[in-house]
Amino acid sequence: MAAAQAVQTQDAQLALQVCQALVELAQGGGEPAPAAPEGQAPVYRKGGRLVRWENK
């Protein structure tokens, strides 16, 4: 929605904000990985989503 508004109004500042949000999404959003409980290892689904914790 913001991208469409930036194009319609020719607003360069808004277009840069949209680009910045897209770059952050592409880099993973900066969300830290969850900490592993004692004696367990994370199991991830294809695409990097945490499924469960498995005993080592």
PDB file of N, CA and C in Angstrom:
ATOM      1  N   MET A   1       0.834  -1.176   0.000  1.00  0.00           N
ATOM      2  CA  MET A   1       0.000   0.000   0.000  1.00  0.00           C
ATOM      3  C   MET A   1       0.886   1.248   0.000  1.00  0.00           C
ATOM      4  N   ALA A   2       1.936   1.226   0.813  1.00  0.00           N
ATOM      5  CA  ALA A   2       2.831   2.380   0.856  1.00  0.00           C
ATOM      6  C   ALA A   2       3.584   2.529  -0.459  1.00  0.00           C
ATOM      7  N   ALA A   3       3.908   1.405  -1.092  1.00  0.00           N
ATOM      8  CA  ALA A   3       4.610   1.464  -2.376  1.00  0.00           C
ATOM      9  C   ALA A   3       3.736   2.115  -3.433  1.00  0.00           C
ATOM     10  N   ALA A   4       2.458   1.760  -3.464  1.00  0.00           N
ATOM     11  CA  ALA A   4       1.537   2.354  -4.433  1.00  0.00           C
ATOM     12  C   ALA A   4       1.381   3.852  -4.186  1.00  0.00           C
ATOM     13  N   GLN A   5       1.326   4.229  -2.918  1.00  0.00           N
ATOM     14  CA  GLN A   5       1.198   5.651  -2.592  1.00  0.00           C
ATOM     15  C   GLN A   5       2.462   6.408  -3.008  1.00  0.00           C
ATOM     16  N   ALA A   6       3.630   5.805  -2.813  1.00  0.00           N
ATOM     17  CA  ALA A   6       4.886   6.457  -3.197  1.00  0.00           C
ATOM     18  C   ALA A   6       4.944   6.677  -4.699  1.00  0.00           C
ATOM     19  N   VAL A   7       4.447   5.718  -5.470  1.00  0.00           N
ATOM     20  CA  VAL A   7       4.446   5.861  -6.928  1.00  0.00           C
ATOM     21  C   VAL A   7       3.453   6.938  -7.358  1.00  0.00           C
ATOM     22  N   GLN A   8       2.268   6.922  -6.772  1.00  0.00           N
ATOM     23  CA  GLN A   8       1.239   7.880  -7.162  1.00  0.00           C
ATOM     24  C   GLN A   8       1.631   9.316  -6.844  1.00  0.00           C
ATOM     25  N   THR A   9       2.252   9.520  -5.688  1.00  0.00           N
ATOM     26  CA  THR A   9       2.586  10.877  -5.266  1.00  0.00           C
ATOM     27  C   THR A   9       4.009  11.281  -5.630  1.00  0.00           C
ATOM     28  N   GLN A  10       4.774  10.351  -6.203  1.00  0.00           N
ATOM     29  CA  GLN A  10       6.173  10.605  -6.569  1.00  0.00           C
ATOM     30  C   GLN A  10       6.976  11.052  -5.341  1.00  0.00           C
ATOM     31  N   ASP A  11       6.709  10.435  -4.197  1.00  0.00           N
ATOM     32  CA  ASP A  11       7.366  10.779  -2.936  1.00  0.00           C
ATOM     33  C   ASP A  11       8.610   9.918  -2.756  1.00  0.00           C
ATOM     34  N   ALA A  12       9.779  10.513  -2.917  1.00  0.00           N
ATOM     35  CA  ALA A  12      11.042   9.777  -2.834  1.00  0.00           C
ATOM     36  C   ALA A  12      11.310   9.279  -1.417  1.00  0.00           C
ATOM     37  N   GLN A  13      10.964  10.063  -0.420  1.00  0.00           N
ATOM     38  CA  GLN A  13      11.203   9.669   0.970  1.00  0.00           C
ATOM     39  C   GLN A  13      10.400   8.422   1.317  1.00  0.00           C
ATOM     40  N   LEU A  14       9.158   8.367   0.912  1.00  0.00           N
ATOM     41  CA  LEU A  14       8.309   7.206   1.167  1.00  0.00           C
ATOM     42  C   LEU A  14       8.821   5.997   0.399  1.00  0.00           C
ATOM     43  N   ALA A  15       9.296   6.213  -0.813  1.00  0.00           N
ATOM     44  CA  ALA A  15       9.840   5.115  -1.608  1.00  0.00           C
ATOM     45  C   ALA A  15      11.079   4.525  -0.929  1.00  0.00           C
ATOM     46  N   LEU A  16      11.913   5.359  -0.342  1.00  0.00           N
ATOM     47  CA  LEU A  16      13.087   4.868   0.373  1.00  0.00           C
ATOM     48  C   LEU A  16      12.692   4.077   1.613  1.00  0.00           C
ATOM     49  N   GLN A  17      11.644   4.481   2.291  1.00  0.00           N
ATOM     50  CA  GLN A  17      11.163   3.736   3.459  1.00  0.00           C
ATOM     51  C   GLN A  17      10.661   2.360   3.053  1.00  0.00           C
ATOM     52  N   VAL A  18       9.973   2.284   1.917  1.00  0.00           N
ATOM     53  CA  VAL A  18       9.488   0.997   1.410  1.00  0.00           C
ATOM     54  C   VAL A  18      10.680   0.100   1.072  1.00  0.00           C
ATOM     55  N   CYS A  19      11.688   0.653   0.419  1.00  0.00           N
ATOM     56  CA  CYS A  19      12.884  -0.113   0.071  1.00  0.00           C
ATOM     57  C   CYS A  19      13.595  -0.623   1.322  1.00  0.00           C
ATOM     58  N   GLN A  20      13.688   0.211   2.338  1.00  0.00           N
ATOM     59  CA  GLN A  20      14.332  -0.194   3.578  1.00  0.00           C
ATOM     60  C   GLN A  20      13.578  -1.353   4.229  1.00  0.00           C
ATOM     61  N   ALA A  21      12.264  -1.305   4.234  1.00  0.00           N
ATOM     62  CA  ALA A  21      11.461  -2.385   4.804  1.00  0.00           C
ATOM     63  C   ALA A  21      11.664  -3.680   4.026  1.00  0.00           C
ATOM     64  N   LEU A  22      11.765  -3.588   2.704  1.00  0.00           N
ATOM     65  CA  LEU A  22      11.988  -4.778   1.886  1.00  0.00           C
ATOM     66  C   LEU A  22      13.362  -5.385   2.146  1.00  0.00           C
ATOM     67  N   VAL A  23      14.367  -4.550   2.310  1.00  0.00           N
ATOM     68  CA  VAL A  23      15.713  -5.053   2.606  1.00  0.00           C
ATOM     69  C   VAL A  23      15.734  -5.754   3.961  1.00  0.00           C
ATOM     70  N   GLU A  24      15.073  -5.186   4.950  1.00  0.00           N
ATOM     71  CA  GLU A  24      15.015  -5.803   6.278  1.00  0.00           C
ATOM     72  C   GLU A  24      14.306  -7.155   6.216  1.00  0.00           C
ATOM     73  N   LEU A  25      13.233  -7.249   5.441  1.00  0.00           N
ATOM     74  CA  LEU A  25      12.538  -8.525   5.292  1.00  0.00           C
ATOM     75  C   LEU A  25      13.418  -9.562   4.606  1.00  0.00           C
ATOM     76  N   ALA A  26      14.178  -9.139   3.610  1.00  0.00           N
ATOM     77  CA  ALA A  26      15.048 -10.052   2.883  1.00  0.00           C
ATOM     78  C   ALA A  26      16.182 -10.568   3.764  1.00  0.00           C
ATOM     79  N   GLN A  27      16.599  -9.781   4.736  1.00  0.00           N
ATOM     80  CA  GLN A  27      17.694 -10.171   5.613  1.00  0.00           C
ATOM     81  C   GLN A  27      17.190 -10.936   6.834  1.00  0.00           C
ATOM     82  N   GLY A  28      15.919 -11.271   6.906  1.00  0.00           N
ATOM     83  CA  GLY A  28      15.416 -12.012   8.044  1.00  0.00           C
ATOM     84  C   GLY A  28      14.771 -11.160   9.092  1.00  0.00           C
ATOM     85  N   GLY A  29      14.719  -9.892   8.940  1.00  0.00           N
ATOM     86  CA  GLY A  29      14.046  -9.032   9.875  1.00  0.00           C
ATOM     87  C   GLY A  29      14.782  -8.772  11.162  1.00  0.00           C
ATOM     88  N   GLY A  30      15.965  -9.336  11.338  1.00  0.00           N
ATOM     89  CA  GLY A  30      16.750  -9.104  12.537  1.00  0.00           C
ATOM     90  C   GLY A  30      16.228  -9.822  13.756  1.00  0.00           C
ATOM     91  N   GLU A  31      15.383 -10.810  13.565  1.00  0.00           N
ATOM     92  CA  GLU A  31      14.840 -11.558  14.687  1.00  0.00           C
ATOM     93  C   GLU A  31      15.876 -12.558  15.194  1.00  0.00           C
ATOM     94  N   PRO A  32      16.229 -12.520  16.476  1.00  0.00           N
ATOM     95  CA  PRO A  32      17.244 -13.427  16.988  1.00  0.00           C
ATOM     96  C   PRO A  32      16.744 -14.872  17.052  1.00  0.00           C
ATOM     97  N   ALA A  33      17.667 -15.807  16.917  1.00  0.00           N
ATOM     98  CA  ALA A  33      17.319 -17.228  17.011  1.00  0.00           C
ATOM     99  C   ALA A  33      16.984 -17.558  18.465  1.00  0.00           C
ATOM    100  N   PRO A  34      16.028 -18.467  18.694  1.00  0.00           N
ATOM    101  CA  PRO A  34      15.667 -18.823  20.065  1.00  0.00           C
ATOM    102  C   PRO A  34      16.808 -19.571  20.750  1.00  0.00           C
ATOM    103  N   ALA A  35      16.931 -19.387  22.056  1.00  0.00           N
ATOM    104  CA  ALA A  35      17.963 -20.068  22.831  1.00  0.00           C
ATOM    105  C   ALA A  35      17.554 -21.517  23.070  1.00  0.00           C
ATOM    106  N   ALA A  36      18.512 -22.423  22.954  1.00  0.00           N
ATOM    107  CA  ALA A  36      18.238 -23.857  23.115  1.00  0.00           C
ATOM    108  C   ALA A  36      18.114 -24.209  24.598  1.00  0.00           C
ATOM    109  N   PRO A  37      17.097 -24.990  24.962  1.00  0.00           N
ATOM    110  CA  PRO A  37      17.015 -25.493  26.329  1.00  0.00           C
ATOM    111  C   PRO A  37      18.173 -26.458  26.594  1.00  0.00           C
ATOM    112  N   GLU A  38      18.497 -26.660  27.838  1.00  0.00           N
ATOM    113  CA  GLU A  38      19.606 -27.535  28.232  1.00  0.00           C
ATOM    114  C   GLU A  38      19.436 -28.945  27.676  1.00  0.00           C
ATOM    115  N   GLY A  39      20.447 -29.428  26.931  1.00  0.00           N
ATOM    116  CA  GLY A  39      20.446 -30.797  26.427  1.00  0.00           C
ATOM    117  C   GLY A  39      19.542 -31.035  25.232  1.00  0.00           C
ATOM    118  N   GLN A  40      19.113 -29.991  24.549  1.00  0.00           N
ATOM    119  CA  GLN A  40      18.228 -30.161  23.407  1.00  0.00           C
ATOM    120  C   GLN A  40      18.757 -29.379  22.205  1.00  0.00           C
ATOM    121  N   ALA A  41      18.350 -29.833  21.016  1.00  0.00           N
ATOM    122  CA  ALA A  41      18.758 -29.173  19.779  1.00  0.00           C
ATOM    123  C   ALA A  41      17.508 -28.786  18.993  1.00  0.00           C
ATOM    124  N   PRO A  42      17.547 -27.658  18.296  1.00  0.00           N
ATOM    125  CA  PRO A  42      16.374 -27.236  17.515  1.00  0.00           C
ATOM    126  C   PRO A  42      16.230 -28.072  16.243  1.00  0.00           C
ATOM    127  N   VAL A  43      14.981 -28.296  15.834  1.00  0.00           N
ATOM    128  CA  VAL A  43      14.667 -28.967  14.572  1.00  0.00           C
ATOM    129  C   VAL A  43      13.896 -27.957  13.741  1.00  0.00           C
ATOM    130  N   TYR A  44      14.418 -27.674  12.537  1.00  0.00           N
ATOM    131  CA  TYR A  44      13.817 -26.648  11.688  1.00  0.00           C
ATOM    132  C   TYR A  44      13.101 -27.268  10.494  1.00  0.00           C
ATOM    133  N   ARG A  45      12.023 -26.645  10.074  1.00  0.00           N
ATOM    134  CA  ARG A  45      11.297 -27.005   8.866  1.00  0.00           C
ATOM    135  C   ARG A  45      11.974 -26.341   7.683  1.00  0.00           C
ATOM    136  N   LYS A  46      11.733 -26.861   6.501  1.00  0.00           N
ATOM    137  CA  LYS A  46      12.284 -26.233   5.304  1.00  0.00           C
ATOM    138  C   LYS A  46      11.810 -24.786   5.269  1.00  0.00           C
ATOM    139  N   GLY A  47      12.724 -23.868   5.107  1.00  0.00           N
ATOM    140  CA  GLY A  47      12.400 -22.449   5.129  1.00  0.00           C
ATOM    141  C   GLY A  47      12.859 -21.787   6.417  1.00  0.00           C
ATOM    142  N   GLY A  48      13.350 -22.571   7.369  1.00  0.00           N
ATOM    143  CA  GLY A  48      13.941 -22.006   8.572  1.00  0.00           C
ATOM    144  C   GLY A  48      13.015 -21.812   9.754  1.00  0.00           C
ATOM    145  N   ARG A  49      11.802 -22.344   9.711  1.00  0.00           N
ATOM    146  CA  ARG A  49      10.891 -22.204  10.852  1.00  0.00           C
ATOM    147  C   ARG A  49      11.165 -23.292  11.881  1.00  0.00           C
ATOM    148  N   LEU A  50      11.194 -22.900  13.140  1.00  0.00           N
ATOM    149  CA  LEU A  50      11.412 -23.839  14.227  1.00  0.00           C
ATOM    150  C   LEU A  50      10.204 -24.754  14.363  1.00  0.00           C
ATOM    151  N   VAL A  51      10.451 -26.071  14.364  1.00  0.00           N
ATOM    152  CA  VAL A  51       9.373 -27.041  14.484  1.00  0.00           C
ATOM    153  C   VAL A  51       9.246 -27.517  15.924  1.00  0.00           C
ATOM    154  N   ARG A  52      10.374 -27.973  16.500  1.00  0.00           N
ATOM    155  CA  ARG A  52      10.357 -28.501  17.859  1.00  0.00           C
ATOM    156  C   ARG A  52      11.789 -28.571  18.394  1.00  0.00           C
ATOM    157  N   TRP A  53      11.887 -28.913  19.660  1.00  0.00           N
ATOM    158  CA  TRP A  53      13.183 -29.151  20.296  1.00  0.00           C
ATOM    159  C   TRP A  53      13.329 -30.664  20.471  1.00  0.00           C
ATOM    160  N   GLU A  54      14.501 -31.184  20.132  1.00  0.00           N
ATOM    161  CA  GLU A  54      14.746 -32.631  20.188  1.00  0.00           C
ATOM    162  C   GLU A  54      15.900 -32.891  21.131  1.00  0.00           C
ATOM    163  N   ASN A  55      15.790 -33.951  21.934  1.00  0.00           N
ATOM    164  CA  ASN A  55      16.880 -34.319  22.833  1.00  0.00           C
ATOM    165  C   ASN A  55      18.101 -34.726  22.032  1.00  0.00           C
ATOM    166  N   LYS A  56      19.267 -34.320  22.522  1.00  0.00           N
ATOM    167  CA  LYS A  56      20.527 -34.639  21.832  1.00  0.00           C
ATOM    168  C   LYS A  56      20.894 -36.089  22.001  1.00  0.00           C
TER     169      LYS A  56
END
